[in-house]
């Protein structure tokens, strides 16, 4: 049996970044996502978010892909929100998401970052946060490509 531990920090947003994840809805939603994921053998270590997005620290099994895991989490949770009429309008997630691997040595840093979303977004918008993630991802990829030359 393989011994594999792959940590992923995933971030996704509501359709058009609508501020639909109210303070009342978030705890229910996160508990539901965690419970549903457990039933699908998806290990969610930490989950939190703000009014228009979710952060999730996931440990993937050897047979799980990021794309399939995100599809299962996002698809089922939007279905659940709509089935239970938890939003005033039809609920959807954006198709896109951000996912990056996390080193074992940085797990506590990522957990703390995810935990402090409300305070974090009192200082910066989700768009600023997303742009920073994307910038770091692209600069890392650029550095890796240059080192191969």
C-alpha atoms as a PDB file:
ATOM      1  CA  UNK A   1       0.000   0.000   0.000  1.00  0.00           C
ATOM      2  CA  UNK A   2       1.452   3.395  -0.975  1.00  0.00           C
ATOM      3  CA  UNK A   3       2.128   5.997   1.666  1.00  0.00           C
ATOM      4  CA  UNK A   4       1.062   9.297   0.137  1.00  0.00           C
ATOM      5  CA  UNK A   5       0.233  12.629   1.736  1.00  0.00           C
ATOM      6  CA  UNK A   6      -0.664  15.451  -0.631  1.00  0.00           C
ATOM      7  CA  UNK A   7      -1.927  18.662   0.919  1.00  0.00           C
ATOM      8  CA  UNK A   8      -3.907  21.141  -1.200  1.00  0.00           C
ATOM      9  CA  UNK A   9      -5.060  24.645  -0.319  1.00  0.00           C
ATOM     10  CA  UNK A  10      -8.142  25.240  -2.474  1.00  0.00           C
ATOM     11  CA  UNK A  11     -10.059  28.485  -2.885  1.00  0.00           C
ATOM     12  CA  UNK A  12     -13.275  29.004  -4.821  1.00  0.00           C
ATOM     13  CA  UNK A  13     -15.888  31.748  -5.118  1.00  0.00           C
ATOM     14  CA  UNK A  14     -19.596  32.210  -5.592  1.00  0.00           C
ATOM     15  CA  UNK A  15     -20.817  32.885  -9.132  1.00  0.00           C
ATOM     16  CA  UNK A  16     -19.981  36.500 -10.038  1.00  0.00           C
ATOM     17  CA  UNK A  17     -18.555  36.743  -6.524  1.00  0.00           C
ATOM     18  CA  UNK A  18     -21.987  37.495  -5.133  1.00  0.00           C
ATOM     19  CA  UNK A  19     -21.853  38.056  -1.336  1.00  0.00           C
ATOM     20  CA  UNK A  20     -24.223  35.149  -0.584  1.00  0.00           C
ATOM     21  CA  UNK A  21     -22.250  33.383   2.147  1.00  0.00           C
ATOM     22  CA  UNK A  22     -23.749  35.161   5.123  1.00  0.00           C
ATOM     23  CA  UNK A  23     -22.536  34.784   8.698  1.00  0.00           C
ATOM     24  CA  UNK A  24     -25.545  32.553   9.309  1.00  0.00           C
ATOM     25  CA  UNK A  25     -24.999  30.363   6.229  1.00  0.00           C
ATOM     26  CA  UNK A  26     -21.223  29.851   6.473  1.00  0.00           C
ATOM     27  CA  UNK A  27     -21.154  27.584   9.566  1.00  0.00           C
ATOM     28  CA  UNK A  28     -23.968  25.428   8.141  1.00  0.00           C
ATOM     29  CA  UNK A  29     -22.309  25.250   4.746  1.00  0.00           C
ATOM     30  CA  UNK A  30     -18.865  24.398   6.090  1.00  0.00           C
ATOM     31  CA  UNK A  31     -20.275  21.689   8.354  1.00  0.00           C
ATOM     32  CA  UNK A  32     -22.206  20.251   5.411  1.00  0.00           C
ATOM     33  CA  UNK A  33     -19.190  20.347   3.071  1.00  0.00           C
ATOM     34  CA  UNK A  34     -17.080  18.590   5.706  1.00  0.00           C
ATOM     35  CA  UNK A  35     -19.731  15.910   6.347  1.00  0.00           C
ATOM     36  CA  UNK A  36     -20.373  15.307   2.648  1.00  0.00           C
ATOM     37  CA  UNK A  37     -16.645  15.133   1.905  1.00  0.00           C
ATOM     38  CA  UNK A  38     -16.130  12.582   4.675  1.00  0.00           C
ATOM     39  CA  UNK A  39     -18.763  10.387   3.031  1.00  0.00           C
ATOM     40  CA  UNK A  40     -16.801  10.555  -0.219  1.00  0.00           C
ATOM     41  CA  UNK A  41     -13.477   9.756   1.508  1.00  0.00           C
ATOM     42  CA  UNK A  42     -12.239  13.339   1.044  1.00  0.00           C
ATOM     43  CA  UNK A  43     -10.301  14.560   4.076  1.00  0.00           C
ATOM     44  CA  UNK A  44     -10.937  18.244   4.828  1.00  0.00           C
ATOM     45  CA  UNK A  45      -8.483  19.377   7.452  1.00  0.00           C
ATOM     46  CA  UNK A  46      -9.677  22.973   7.695  1.00  0.00           C
ATOM     47  CA  UNK A  47     -12.408  25.049   6.033  1.00  0.00           C
ATOM     48  CA  UNK A  48     -13.486  28.671   6.340  1.00  0.00           C
ATOM     49  CA  UNK A  49     -14.284  31.601   4.138  1.00  0.00           C
ATOM     50  CA  UNK A  50     -15.948  34.937   3.780  1.00  0.00           C
ATOM     51  CA  UNK A  51     -19.024  36.386   2.067  1.00  0.00           C
ATOM     52  CA  UNK A  52     -18.099  35.305  -1.470  1.00  0.00           C
ATOM     53  CA  UNK A  53     -15.460  32.605  -1.212  1.00  0.00           C
ATOM     54  CA  UNK A  54     -14.238  29.496   0.585  1.00  0.00           C
ATOM     55  CA  UNK A  55     -10.764  28.303   1.613  1.00  0.00           C
ATOM     56  CA  UNK A  56     -10.210  24.623   2.231  1.00  0.00           C
ATOM     57  CA  UNK A  57      -7.160  22.603   3.282  1.00  0.00           C
ATOM     58  CA  UNK A  58      -7.545  19.116   1.828  1.00  0.00           C
ATOM     59  CA  UNK A  59      -5.432  15.993   2.144  1.00  0.00           C
ATOM     60  CA  UNK A  60      -5.729  13.978  -1.073  1.00  0.00           C
ATOM     61  CA  UNK A  61      -5.564  10.199  -1.236  1.00  0.00           C
ATOM     62  CA  UNK A  62      -3.434   8.560  -3.975  1.00  0.00           C
ATOM     63  CA  UNK A  63      -6.503   7.901  -6.147  1.00  0.00           C
ATOM     64  CA  UNK A  64      -7.997  11.419  -5.885  1.00  0.00           C
ATOM     65  CA  UNK A  65      -7.442  14.251  -8.325  1.00  0.00           C
ATOM     66  CA  UNK A  66      -7.837  17.924  -7.522  1.00  0.00           C
ATOM     67  CA  UNK A  67     -10.355  18.399 -10.338  1.00  0.00           C
ATOM     68  CA  UNK A  68     -12.605  15.517  -9.248  1.00  0.00           C
ATOM     69  CA  UNK A  69     -12.387  16.509  -5.585  1.00  0.00           C
ATOM     70  CA  UNK A  70     -13.353  20.100  -6.368  1.00  0.00           C
ATOM     71  CA  UNK A  71     -16.201  18.932  -8.598  1.00  0.00           C
ATOM     72  CA  UNK A  72     -17.583  16.745  -5.813  1.00  0.00           C
ATOM     73  CA  UNK A  73     -17.305  19.440  -3.141  1.00  0.00           C
ATOM     74  CA  UNK A  74     -18.610  22.352  -5.182  1.00  0.00           C
ATOM     75  CA  UNK A  75     -21.317  20.503  -7.097  1.00  0.00           C
ATOM     76  CA  UNK A  76     -22.908  18.810  -4.120  1.00  0.00           C
ATOM     77  CA  UNK A  77     -22.736  21.902  -1.881  1.00  0.00           C
ATOM     78  CA  UNK A  78     -24.475  24.148  -4.434  1.00  0.00           C
ATOM     79  CA  UNK A  79     -27.145  21.463  -4.895  1.00  0.00           C
ATOM     80  CA  UNK A  80     -27.603  21.305  -1.097  1.00  0.00           C
ATOM     81  CA  UNK A  81     -27.894  25.111  -0.748  1.00  0.00           C
ATOM     82  CA  UNK A  82     -30.530  25.251  -3.497  1.00  0.00           C
ATOM     83  CA  UNK A  83     -32.442  22.171  -2.280  1.00  0.00           C
ATOM     84  CA  UNK A  84     -32.711  23.706   1.189  1.00  0.00           C
ATOM     85  CA  UNK A  85     -33.431  27.207  -0.165  1.00  0.00           C
ATOM     86  CA  UNK A  86     -30.649  28.747   1.924  1.00  0.00           C
ATOM     87  CA  UNK A  87     -30.160  31.692  -0.452  1.00  0.00           C
ATOM     88  CA  UNK A  88     -32.725  34.178  -1.751  1.00  0.00           C
ATOM     89  CA  UNK A  89     -31.725  33.373  -5.362  1.00  0.00           C
ATOM     90  CA  UNK A  90     -30.415  30.324  -7.197  1.00  0.00           C
ATOM     91  CA  UNK A  91     -26.943  29.560  -5.872  1.00  0.00           C
ATOM     92  CA  UNK A  92     -23.914  28.717  -8.006  1.00  0.00           C
ATOM     93  CA  UNK A  93     -20.156  28.529  -7.572  1.00  0.00           C
ATOM     94  CA  UNK A  94     -17.841  29.978 -10.216  1.00  0.00           C
ATOM     95  CA  UNK A  95     -16.356  27.305 -12.456  1.00  0.00           C
ATOM     96  CA  UNK A  96     -12.812  28.390 -11.612  1.00  0.00           C
ATOM     97  CA  UNK A  97     -10.904  27.647  -8.460  1.00  0.00           C
ATOM     98  CA  UNK A  98      -7.389  28.091  -7.117  1.00  0.00           C
ATOM     99  CA  UNK A  99      -5.448  25.112  -5.803  1.00  0.00           C
ATOM    100  CA  UNK A 100      -1.853  24.927  -4.606  1.00  0.00           C
ATOM    101  CA  UNK A 101       0.156  22.254  -2.869  1.00  0.00           C
ATOM    102  CA  UNK A 102       1.167  22.862   0.731  1.00  0.00           C
ATOM    103  CA  UNK A 103       4.311  21.584   2.418  1.00  0.00           C
ATOM    104  CA  UNK A 104       3.896  19.675   5.686  1.00  0.00           C
ATOM    105  CA  UNK A 105       6.044  22.351   7.330  1.00  0.00           C
ATOM    106  CA  UNK A 106       3.550  25.084   6.333  1.00  0.00           C
ATOM    107  CA  UNK A 107       0.308  23.395   7.406  1.00  0.00           C
ATOM    108  CA  UNK A 108      -0.090  25.464  10.582  1.00  0.00           C
ATOM    109  CA  UNK A 109       0.529  28.688   8.640  1.00  0.00           C
ATOM    110  CA  UNK A 110      -2.166  27.771   6.113  1.00  0.00           C
ATOM    111  CA  UNK A 111      -4.602  26.696   8.843  1.00  0.00           C
ATOM    112  CA  UNK A 112      -4.133  30.023  10.617  1.00  0.00           C
ATOM    113  CA  UNK A 113      -4.565  31.921   7.341  1.00  0.00           C
ATOM    114  CA  UNK A 114      -7.810  30.059   6.597  1.00  0.00           C
ATOM    115  CA  UNK A 115      -9.046  30.508  10.173  1.00  0.00           C
ATOM    116  CA  UNK A 116      -8.632  34.298  10.054  1.00  0.00           C
ATOM    117  CA  UNK A 117     -10.592  35.028   6.875  1.00  0.00           C
ATOM    118  CA  UNK A 118     -13.030  37.516   8.347  1.00  0.00           C
ATOM    119  CA  UNK A 119     -10.285  39.635   9.908  1.00  0.00           C
ATOM    120  CA  UNK A 120      -8.116  39.222   6.827  1.00  0.00           C
ATOM    121  CA  UNK A 121     -10.853  40.550   4.529  1.00  0.00           C
ATOM    122  CA  UNK A 122     -11.478  43.589   6.666  1.00  0.00           C
ATOM    123  CA  UNK A 123      -8.146  44.798   5.212  1.00  0.00           C
ATOM    124  CA  UNK A 124      -8.169  43.447   1.645  1.00  0.00           C
ATOM    125  CA  UNK A 125     -10.684  42.264  -0.913  1.00  0.00           C
ATOM    126  CA  UNK A 126     -11.010  38.765  -2.268  1.00  0.00           C
ATOM    127  CA  UNK A 127      -9.811  40.057  -5.657  1.00  0.00           C
ATOM    128  CA  UNK A 128      -6.607  41.401  -4.074  1.00  0.00           C
ATOM    129  CA  UNK A 129      -6.098  38.074  -2.310  1.00  0.00           C
ATOM    130  CA  UNK A 130      -6.723  36.091  -5.502  1.00  0.00           C
ATOM    131  CA  UNK A 131      -4.357  38.293  -7.516  1.00  0.00           C
ATOM    132  CA  UNK A 132      -1.639  37.738  -4.887  1.00  0.00           C
ATOM    133  CA  UNK A 133      -2.124  33.950  -5.019  1.00  0.00           C
ATOM    134  CA  UNK A 134      -2.020  33.970  -8.812  1.00  0.00           C
ATOM    135  CA  UNK A 135       1.067  36.173  -8.860  1.00  0.00           C
ATOM    136  CA  UNK A 136       2.922  33.843  -6.472  1.00  0.00           C
ATOM    137  CA  UNK A 137       1.863  30.801  -8.483  1.00  0.00           C
ATOM    138  CA  UNK A 138       2.967  32.271 -11.810  1.00  0.00           C
ATOM    139  CA  UNK A 139       6.272  33.584 -10.429  1.00  0.00           C
ATOM    140  CA  UNK A 140       7.038  30.131  -8.988  1.00  0.00           C
ATOM    141  CA  UNK A 141       6.232  28.476 -12.326  1.00  0.00           C
ATOM    142  CA  UNK A 142       8.375  31.034 -14.162  1.00  0.00           C
ATOM    143  CA  UNK A 143      11.315  30.384 -11.796  1.00  0.00           C
ATOM    144  CA  UNK A 144      10.950  26.628 -12.275  1.00  0.00           C
ATOM    145  CA  UNK A 145      10.903  26.986 -16.056  1.00  0.00           C
ATOM    146  CA  UNK A 146      13.991  29.219 -16.025  1.00  0.00           C
ATOM    147  CA  UNK A 147      15.917  26.781 -13.816  1.00  0.00           C
ATOM    148  CA  UNK A 148      15.296  24.009 -16.370  1.00  0.00           C
ATOM    149  CA  UNK A 149      17.104  25.970 -19.100  1.00  0.00           C
END
